[in-house]
Amino acid sequence: MPREFSTLLVERRPDRVQVQLNRPDVRNAIDQAMVDELHLLCGELERGPRILILCGSAGVFASGADIAQLRERRRDDALKGINSELFERIARLPMPVIAAIDGWALGGGAELAYAADFRIASETARLGNPETALGIIPAAGALWRLAELVGEPVAKEIILAGRILTAEEALAVRLVTEVHPAELLLGAAHALADRIAAQDPLATQFAKEVFHVPRARHPRADNEAQAVLFESEEKFARMTAFLERKKR
């Protein structure tokens, strides 16, 4: 029996799970309960790999970490990496993760989106990391993921100078790959999931894993993954079907 959550609305399908952040009264601020529930979701998706779609509610993706809780955290809490450990786990999920960003994605909310494999946005999306204005740093991934995604100059504008990107600006720097009207955003996320689901799941998992290995592990990691796939039944079935279609 699937578990019920207090901060998330979860829709499960055979090939994907849609997770809606659901704390609309506080603009989907990420509190400890949401962190704990997302960890439980990760465990489910590690045991049974499926595509993950993350979305917000009430026109907000996630406004950041819960400031009331964050204000009370001290040195030992920082060293636990409460959000960074979660976002790293999400990034390492076996199947791709899609962030469908409607409205604000700030601070920890933006860092959650950065951990996804794909980011698509509504026309009203706004992304940024205003942590230094609150006397802290964006320590849950922005300080290294954002430069990888958009390059150092834009990343420093966002992190050091408080720049908030509009949807069109995020598209221009390729932080997001699609922009849609808000009412079409979730459908676009599922259309992207459909394209992913049409691929061989095992090949997709290996491709995601090998994509992220350190440069020093290539090409050995590629060859080892390919060696497994060359023996898979799905490889033979898909290639046979391809060759038979060519004969027609």
C-alpha atoms as a PDB file:
ATOM      1  CA  MET A   1       0.000   0.000   0.000  1.00  0.00           C
ATOM      2  CA  PRO A   2       1.568   3.335  -1.056  1.00  0.00           C
ATOM      3  CA  ARG A   3       2.354   5.641   1.842  1.00  0.00           C
ATOM      4  CA  GLU A   4       0.391   8.864   2.275  1.00  0.00           C
ATOM      5  CA  PHE A   5       2.384  12.065   2.794  1.00  0.00           C
ATOM      6  CA  SER A   6       1.558  15.314   4.587  1.00  0.00           C
ATOM      7  CA  THR A   7       3.687  17.679   2.445  1.00  0.00           C
ATOM      8  CA  LEU A   8       3.517  15.921  -0.921  1.00  0.00           C
ATOM      9  CA  LEU A   9       0.794  14.837  -3.331  1.00  0.00           C
ATOM     10  CA  VAL A  10       1.968  11.728  -5.151  1.00  0.00           C
ATOM     11  CA  GLU A  11       0.574  10.214  -8.350  1.00  0.00           C
ATOM     12  CA  ARG A  12       2.086   6.870  -9.328  1.00  0.00           C
ATOM     13  CA  ARG A  13       2.054   5.384 -12.809  1.00  0.00           C
ATOM     14  CA  PRO A  14       3.848   2.267 -14.058  1.00  0.00           C
ATOM     15  CA  ASP A  15       6.718   4.251 -15.604  1.00  0.00           C
ATOM     16  CA  ARG A  16       6.724   7.486 -13.586  1.00  0.00           C
ATOM     17  CA  VAL A  17       5.873   9.175 -10.315  1.00  0.00           C
ATOM     18  CA  GLN A  18       4.548  12.746 -10.175  1.00  0.00           C
ATOM     19  CA  VAL A  19       5.313  14.511  -6.899  1.00  0.00           C
ATOM     20  CA  GLN A  20       3.637  17.820  -6.121  1.00  0.00           C
ATOM     21  CA  LEU A  21       5.156  19.881  -3.321  1.00  0.00           C
ATOM     22  CA  ASN A  22       2.130  20.731  -1.234  1.00  0.00           C
ATOM     23  CA  ARG A  23       2.658  23.419   1.408  1.00  0.00           C
ATOM     24  CA  PRO A  24       0.835  26.218  -0.430  1.00  0.00           C
ATOM     25  CA  ASP A  25       0.210  28.269   2.746  1.00  0.00           C
ATOM     26  CA  VAL A  26       3.978  28.847   3.021  1.00  0.00           C
ATOM     27  CA  ARG A  27       4.709  28.906  -0.727  1.00  0.00           C
ATOM     28  CA  ASN A  28       5.999  25.310  -0.623  1.00  0.00           C
ATOM     29  CA  ALA A  29       8.865  26.173   1.709  1.00  0.00           C
ATOM     30  CA  ILE A  30      10.987  23.063   2.206  1.00  0.00           C
ATOM     31  CA  ASP A  31      10.806  22.065   5.862  1.00  0.00           C
ATOM     32  CA  GLN A  32      12.145  19.011   7.688  1.00  0.00           C
ATOM     33  CA  ALA A  33       8.916  17.062   7.131  1.00  0.00           C
ATOM     34  CA  MET A  34       9.159  17.594   3.371  1.00  0.00           C
ATOM     35  CA  VAL A  35      12.829  16.592   3.409  1.00  0.00           C
ATOM     36  CA  ASP A  36      11.962  13.402   5.283  1.00  0.00           C
ATOM     37  CA  GLU A  37       9.113  12.551   2.919  1.00  0.00           C
ATOM     38  CA  LEU A  38      11.221  13.191  -0.173  1.00  0.00           C
ATOM     39  CA  HIS A  39      13.831  10.811   1.268  1.00  0.00           C
ATOM     40  CA  LEU A  40      11.124   8.162   1.568  1.00  0.00           C
ATOM     41  CA  LEU A  41      10.149   8.793  -2.057  1.00  0.00           C
ATOM     42  CA  CYS A  42      13.783   8.431  -3.105  1.00  0.00           C
ATOM     43  CA  GLY A  43      13.945   5.072  -1.367  1.00  0.00           C
ATOM     44  CA  GLU A  44      10.895   3.943  -3.322  1.00  0.00           C
ATOM     45  CA  LEU A  45      12.430   5.074  -6.633  1.00  0.00           C
ATOM     46  CA  GLU A  46      15.790   3.482  -5.837  1.00  0.00           C
ATOM     47  CA  ARG A  47      14.082   0.137  -5.210  1.00  0.00           C
ATOM     48  CA  GLY A  48      11.818   0.421  -8.252  1.00  0.00           C
ATOM     49  CA  PRO A  49      13.287   2.908 -10.758  1.00  0.00           C
ATOM     50  CA  ARG A  50      10.796   5.212 -12.459  1.00  0.00           C
ATOM     51  CA  ILE A  51      10.880   8.697 -13.939  1.00  0.00           C
ATOM     52  CA  LEU A  52      10.248  11.421 -11.353  1.00  0.00           C
ATOM     53  CA  ILE A  53       8.312  14.607 -12.142  1.00  0.00           C
ATOM     54  CA  LEU A  54       8.572  17.327  -9.485  1.00  0.00           C
ATOM     55  CA  CYS A  55       6.105  20.209  -9.515  1.00  0.00           C
ATOM     56  CA  GLY A  56       4.763  22.867  -7.181  1.00  0.00           C
ATOM     57  CA  SER A  57       1.291  24.087  -6.259  1.00  0.00           C
ATOM     58  CA  ALA A  58      -0.694  27.313  -6.254  1.00  0.00           C
ATOM     59  CA  GLY A  59       1.629  28.951  -8.793  1.00  0.00           C
ATOM     60  CA  VAL A  60       4.814  28.339  -6.789  1.00  0.00           C
ATOM     61  CA  PHE A  61       7.428  25.617  -7.310  1.00  0.00           C
ATOM     62  CA  ALA A  62       9.227  26.151  -3.981  1.00  0.00           C
ATOM     63  CA  SER A  63      10.091  29.446  -2.327  1.00  0.00           C
ATOM     64  CA  GLY A  64      13.131  28.007  -0.560  1.00  0.00           C
ATOM     65  CA  ALA A  65      13.937  26.392   2.747  1.00  0.00           C
ATOM     66  CA  ASP A  66      11.579  27.080   5.628  1.00  0.00           C
ATOM     67  CA  ILE A  67      13.127  30.268   7.071  1.00  0.00           C
ATOM     68  CA  ALA A  68      11.549  29.759  10.493  1.00  0.00           C
ATOM     69  CA  GLN A  69      13.352  26.428  10.796  1.00  0.00           C
ATOM     70  CA  LEU A  70      16.499  27.696   9.081  1.00  0.00           C
ATOM     71  CA  ARG A  71      16.860  30.577  11.529  1.00  0.00           C
ATOM     72  CA  GLU A  72      17.112  28.115  14.423  1.00  0.00           C
ATOM     73  CA  ARG A  73      19.721  25.853  12.812  1.00  0.00           C
ATOM     74  CA  ARG A  74      23.268  25.995  14.132  1.00  0.00           C
ATOM     75  CA  ARG A  75      26.752  24.725  13.248  1.00  0.00           C
ATOM     76  CA  ASP A  76      25.975  21.034  13.735  1.00  0.00           C
ATOM     77  CA  ASP A  77      22.875  21.317  11.551  1.00  0.00           C
ATOM     78  CA  ALA A  78      24.938  22.850   8.748  1.00  0.00           C
ATOM     79  CA  LEU A  79      27.405  19.983   8.931  1.00  0.00           C
ATOM     80  CA  LYS A  80      24.583  17.458   8.533  1.00  0.00           C
ATOM     81  CA  GLY A  81      23.854  18.823   5.030  1.00  0.00           C
ATOM     82  CA  ILE A  82      20.101  18.434   5.520  1.00  0.00           C
ATOM     83  CA  ASN A  83      19.071  19.740   2.086  1.00  0.00           C
ATOM     84  CA  SER A  84      22.296  18.992   0.227  1.00  0.00           C
ATOM     85  CA  GLU A  85      22.138  15.280   1.091  1.00  0.00           C
ATOM     86  CA  LEU A  86      18.551  15.100  -0.146  1.00  0.00           C
ATOM     87  CA  PHE A  87      19.216  16.954  -3.390  1.00  0.00           C
ATOM     88  CA  GLU A  88      22.260  14.806  -4.115  1.00  0.00           C
ATOM     89  CA  ARG A  89      20.144  11.712  -3.591  1.00  0.00           C
ATOM     90  CA  ILE A  90      17.515  13.056  -5.994  1.00  0.00           C
ATOM     91  CA  ALA A  91      20.202  13.823  -8.580  1.00  0.00           C
ATOM     92  CA  ARG A  92      21.477  10.242  -8.305  1.00  0.00           C
ATOM     93  CA  LEU A  93      18.112   8.538  -8.773  1.00  0.00           C
ATOM     94  CA  PRO A  94      18.415   5.781 -11.384  1.00  0.00           C
ATOM     95  CA  MET A  95      15.891   7.237 -13.845  1.00  0.00           C
ATOM     96  CA  PRO A  96      15.684  10.860 -15.037  1.00  0.00           C
ATOM     97  CA  VAL A  97      14.134  13.592 -12.901  1.00  0.00           C
ATOM     98  CA  ILE A  98      12.054  16.402 -14.435  1.00  0.00           C
ATOM     99  CA  ALA A  99      11.413  19.665 -12.575  1.00  0.00           C
ATOM    100  CA  ALA A 100       8.307  21.467 -13.839  1.00  0.00           C
ATOM    101  CA  ILE A 101       8.828  24.995 -12.502  1.00  0.00           C
ATOM    102  CA  ASP A 102       5.787  27.248 -12.211  1.00  0.00           C
ATOM    103  CA  GLY A 103       6.285  30.550 -10.425  1.00  0.00           C
ATOM    104  CA  TRP A 104       8.976  31.046  -7.808  1.00  0.00           C
ATOM    105  CA  ALA A 105      11.900  28.649  -7.396  1.00  0.00           C
ATOM    106  CA  LEU A 106      14.183  30.378  -4.927  1.00  0.00           C
ATOM    107  CA  GLY A 107      16.977  29.309  -2.603  1.00  0.00           C
ATOM    108  CA  GLY A 108      16.545  25.663  -1.712  1.00  0.00           C
ATOM    109  CA  GLY A 109      13.662  25.470  -4.183  1.00  0.00           C
ATOM    110  CA  ALA A 110      15.986  26.502  -6.998  1.00  0.00           C
ATOM    111  CA  GLU A 111      18.634  24.061  -5.767  1.00  0.00           C
ATOM    112  CA  LEU A 112      16.056  21.274  -5.860  1.00  0.00           C
ATOM    113  CA  ALA A 113      15.385  22.179  -9.497  1.00  0.00           C
ATOM    114  CA  TYR A 114      19.118  22.280 -10.285  1.00  0.00           C
ATOM    115  CA  ALA A 115      19.373  18.670  -9.062  1.00  0.00           C
ATOM    116  CA  ALA A 116      16.919  17.518 -11.747  1.00  0.00           C
ATOM    117  CA  ASP A 117      18.050  16.160 -15.110  1.00  0.00           C
ATOM    118  CA  PHE A 118      15.529  18.339 -16.954  1.00  0.00           C
ATOM    119  CA  ARG A 119      14.036  21.706 -16.042  1.00  0.00           C
ATOM    120  CA  ILE A 120      11.056  23.102 -17.900  1.00  0.00           C
ATOM    121  CA  ALA A 121       9.249  26.275 -16.868  1.00  0.00           C
ATOM    122  CA  SER A 122       6.037  28.234 -17.061  1.00  0.00           C
ATOM    123  CA  GLU A 123       6.055  31.775 -18.411  1.00  0.00           C
ATOM    124  CA  THR A 124       5.816  33.070 -14.830  1.00  0.00           C
ATOM    125  CA  ALA A 125       8.773  31.088 -13.485  1.00  0.00           C
ATOM    126  CA  ARG A 126      11.425  32.964 -11.519  1.00  0.00           C
ATOM    127  CA  LEU A 127      14.681  31.327 -10.384  1.00  0.00           C
ATOM    128  CA  GLY A 128      17.336  32.622  -8.045  1.00  0.00           C
ATOM    129  CA  ASN A 129      19.445  32.177  -4.939  1.00  0.00           C
ATOM    130  CA  PRO A 130      19.027  35.075  -2.492  1.00  0.00           C
ATOM    131  CA  GLU A 131      20.714  33.280   0.421  1.00  0.00           C
ATOM    132  CA  THR A 132      23.517  35.800   0.931  1.00  0.00           C
ATOM    133  CA  ALA A 133      20.866  38.462   1.640  1.00  0.00           C
ATOM    134  CA  LEU A 134      19.866  36.288   4.615  1.00  0.00           C
ATOM    135  CA  GLY A 135      23.408  35.873   5.909  1.00  0.00           C
ATOM    136  CA  ILE A 136      24.060  32.361   4.605  1.00  0.00           C
ATOM    137  CA  ILE A 137      25.257  30.710   1.384  1.00  0.00           C
ATOM    138  CA  PRO A 138      23.390  28.438  -1.041  1.00  0.00           C
ATOM    139  CA  ALA A 139      25.018  25.295   0.333  1.00  0.00           C
ATOM    140  CA  ALA A 140      22.689  22.675  -1.179  1.00  0.00           C
ATOM    141  CA  GLY A 141      24.209  22.589  -4.650  1.00  0.00           C
ATOM    142  CA  ALA A 142      24.008  26.028  -6.238  1.00  0.00           C
ATOM    143  CA  LEU A 143      27.659  26.877  -5.554  1.00  0.00           C
ATOM    144  CA  TRP A 144      28.807  24.135  -7.927  1.00  0.00           C
ATOM    145  CA  ARG A 145      25.802  22.876  -9.897  1.00  0.00           C
ATOM    146  CA  LEU A 146      24.775  26.306 -11.149  1.00  0.00           C
ATOM    147  CA  ALA A 147      28.173  27.051 -12.718  1.00  0.00           C
ATOM    148  CA  GLU A 148      28.051  23.683 -14.461  1.00  0.00           C
ATOM    149  CA  LEU A 149      24.598  24.479 -15.804  1.00  0.00           C
ATOM    150  CA  VAL A 150      24.920  28.116 -16.908  1.00  0.00           C
ATOM    151  CA  GLY A 151      28.616  29.006 -16.616  1.00  0.00           C
ATOM    152  CA  GLU A 152      30.500  30.981 -13.990  1.00  0.00           C
ATOM    153  CA  PRO A 153      29.551  34.568 -14.973  1.00  0.00           C
ATOM    154  CA  VAL A 154      25.776  34.016 -14.817  1.00  0.00           C
ATOM    155  CA  ALA A 155      26.099  31.795 -11.731  1.00  0.00           C
ATOM    156  CA  LYS A 156      27.988  34.550  -9.902  1.00  0.00           C
ATOM    157  CA  GLU A 157      25.363  37.138 -10.854  1.00  0.00           C
ATOM    158  CA  ILE A 158      22.687  34.910  -9.321  1.00  0.00           C
ATOM    159  CA  ILE A 159      24.628  33.891  -6.200  1.00  0.00           C
ATOM    160  CA  LEU A 160      26.721  36.980  -5.424  1.00  0.00           C
ATOM    161  CA  ALA A 161      24.534  39.770  -6.763  1.00  0.00           C
ATOM    162  CA  GLY A 162      21.040  38.420  -6.149  1.00  0.00           C
ATOM    163  CA  ARG A 163      19.913  38.250  -9.768  1.00  0.00           C
ATOM    164  CA  ILE A 164      16.540  36.557 -10.285  1.00  0.00           C
ATOM    165  CA  LEU A 165      16.067  34.997 -13.721  1.00  0.00           C
ATOM    166  CA  THR A 166      12.765  35.216 -15.550  1.00  0.00           C
ATOM    167  CA  ALA A 167      11.608  32.206 -17.543  1.00  0.00           C
ATOM    168  CA  GLU A 168      12.866  33.699 -20.798  1.00  0.00           C
ATOM    169  CA  GLU A 169      16.229  34.574 -19.246  1.00  0.00           C
ATOM    170  CA  ALA A 170      16.525  31.048 -17.846  1.00  0.00           C
ATOM    171  CA  LEU A 171      15.744  29.668 -21.316  1.00  0.00           C
ATOM    172  CA  ALA A 172      18.344  31.933 -22.921  1.00  0.00           C
ATOM    173  CA  VAL A 173      21.100  30.581 -20.626  1.00  0.00           C
ATOM    174  CA  ARG A 174      19.729  27.008 -20.986  1.00  0.00           C
ATOM    175  CA  LEU A 175      18.951  26.645 -17.301  1.00  0.00           C
ATOM    176  CA  VAL A 176      15.555  25.491 -18.549  1.00  0.00           C
ATOM    177  CA  THR A 177      14.969  23.847 -21.919  1.00  0.00           C
ATOM    178  CA  GLU A 178      11.291  24.657 -22.489  1.00  0.00           C
ATOM    179  CA  VAL A 179       8.862  27.441 -21.524  1.00  0.00           C
ATOM    180  CA  HIS A 180       5.092  26.926 -21.616  1.00  0.00           C
ATOM    181  CA  PRO A 181       1.927  28.667 -20.439  1.00  0.00           C
ATOM    182  CA  ALA A 182       1.281  27.618 -16.840  1.00  0.00           C
ATOM    183  CA  GLU A 183      -1.782  25.575 -17.742  1.00  0.00           C
ATOM    184  CA  LEU A 184       0.246  23.500 -20.230  1.00  0.00           C
ATOM    185  CA  LEU A 185       3.349  22.983 -18.099  1.00  0.00           C
ATOM    186  CA  LEU A 186       2.444  19.684 -16.468  1.00  0.00           C
ATOM    187  CA  GLY A 187       1.300  18.244 -19.788  1.00  0.00           C
ATOM    188  CA  ALA A 188       4.663  19.219 -21.261  1.00  0.00           C
ATOM    189  CA  ALA A 189       6.428  17.475 -18.378  1.00  0.00           C
ATOM    190  CA  HIS A 190       4.487  14.299 -19.067  1.00  0.00           C
ATOM    191  CA  ALA A 191       5.176  14.593 -22.806  1.00  0.00           C
ATOM    192  CA  LEU A 192       8.893  14.708 -21.977  1.00  0.00           C
ATOM    193  CA  ALA A 193       8.427  11.723 -19.651  1.00  0.00           C
ATOM    194  CA  ASP A 194       6.696   9.882 -22.510  1.00  0.00           C
ATOM    195  CA  ARG A 195       9.769  10.384 -24.705  1.00  0.00           C
ATOM    196  CA  ILE A 196      12.042   9.114 -21.937  1.00  0.00           C
ATOM    197  CA  ALA A 197       9.759   6.153 -21.235  1.00  0.00           C
ATOM    198  CA  ALA A 198       9.909   5.119 -24.901  1.00  0.00           C
ATOM    199  CA  GLN A 199      13.607   4.328 -24.459  1.00  0.00           C
ATOM    200  CA  ASP A 200      14.918   1.108 -22.921  1.00  0.00           C
ATOM    201  CA  PRO A 201      14.814   1.736 -19.149  1.00  0.00           C
ATOM    202  CA  LEU A 202      18.031  -0.170 -18.449  1.00  0.00           C
ATOM    203  CA  ALA A 203      19.924   1.670 -21.186  1.00  0.00           C
ATOM    204  CA  THR A 204      18.550   4.973 -19.856  1.00  0.00           C
ATOM    205  CA  GLN A 205      19.740   4.152 -16.341  1.00  0.00           C
ATOM    206  CA  PHE A 206      23.218   3.245 -17.546  1.00  0.00           C
ATOM    207  CA  ALA A 207      23.392   6.351 -19.765  1.00  0.00           C
ATOM    208  CA  LYS A 208      22.487   8.616 -16.824  1.00  0.00           C
ATOM    209  CA  GLU A 209      24.955   6.908 -14.504  1.00  0.00           C
ATOM    210  CA  VAL A 210      27.874   6.948 -16.949  1.00  0.00           C
ATOM    211  CA  PHE A 211      27.121  10.537 -18.010  1.00  0.00           C
ATOM    212  CA  HIS A 212      27.997  11.665 -14.477  1.00  0.00           C
ATOM    213  CA  VAL A 213      31.115   9.607 -13.770  1.00  0.00           C
ATOM    214  CA  PRO A 214      34.407  11.541 -13.457  1.00  0.00           C
ATOM    215  CA  ARG A 215      36.323  12.133 -16.701  1.00  0.00           C
ATOM    216  CA  ALA A 216      39.095   9.790 -15.536  1.00  0.00           C
ATOM    217  CA  ARG A 217      36.662   6.858 -15.564  1.00  0.00           C
ATOM    218  CA  HIS A 218      35.885   7.264 -19.275  1.00  0.00           C
ATOM    219  CA  PRO A 219      35.950   5.276 -21.515  1.00  0.00           C
ATOM    220  CA  ARG A 220      36.189   2.293 -19.190  1.00  0.00           C
ATOM    221  CA  ALA A 221      32.853   3.059 -17.519  1.00  0.00           C
ATOM    222  CA  ASP A 222      31.218   3.381 -20.950  1.00  0.00           C
ATOM    223  CA  ASN A 223      32.626   0.056 -22.106  1.00  0.00           C
ATOM    224  CA  GLU A 224      31.589  -1.772 -18.936  1.00  0.00           C
ATOM    225  CA  ALA A 225      28.024  -0.470 -19.175  1.00  0.00           C
ATOM    226  CA  GLN A 226      27.850  -1.336 -22.865  1.00  0.00           C
ATOM    227  CA  ALA A 227      29.088  -4.855 -22.104  1.00  0.00           C
ATOM    228  CA  VAL A 228      26.056  -5.414 -19.866  1.00  0.00           C
ATOM    229  CA  LEU A 229      23.645  -3.948 -22.409  1.00  0.00           C
ATOM    230  CA  PHE A 230      25.113  -5.980 -25.285  1.00  0.00           C
ATOM    231  CA  GLU A 231      23.889  -9.106 -23.457  1.00  0.00           C
ATOM    232  CA  SER A 232      20.408  -7.797 -22.598  1.00  0.00           C
ATOM    233  CA  GLU A 233      17.271  -9.303 -24.114  1.00  0.00           C
ATOM    234  CA  GLU A 234      15.867  -5.815 -24.698  1.00  0.00           C
ATOM    235  CA  LYS A 235      18.829  -4.900 -26.918  1.00  0.00           C
ATOM    236  CA  PHE A 236      18.197  -7.909 -29.164  1.00  0.00           C
ATOM    237  CA  ALA A 237      14.436  -7.300 -29.258  1.00  0.00           C
ATOM    238  CA  ARG A 238      14.758  -3.600 -30.101  1.00  0.00           C
ATOM    239  CA  MET A 239      17.456  -4.106 -32.744  1.00  0.00           C
ATOM    240  CA  THR A 240      15.531  -6.970 -34.355  1.00  0.00           C
ATOM    241  CA  ALA A 241      12.409  -4.808 -34.510  1.00  0.00           C
ATOM    242  CA  PHE A 242      14.450  -1.960 -36.047  1.00  0.00           C
ATOM    243  CA  LEU A 243      15.890  -4.241 -38.755  1.00  0.00           C
ATOM    244  CA  GLU A 244      12.481  -5.686 -39.556  1.00  0.00           C
ATOM    245  CA  ARG A 245      11.006  -2.193 -39.953  1.00  0.00           C
ATOM    246  CA  LYS A 246      13.794  -1.314 -42.408  1.00  0.00           C
ATOM    247  CA  LYS A 247      12.824  -4.288 -44.608  1.00  0.00           C
ATOM    248  CA  ARG A 248       9.297  -2.968 -45.140  1.00  0.00           C
END
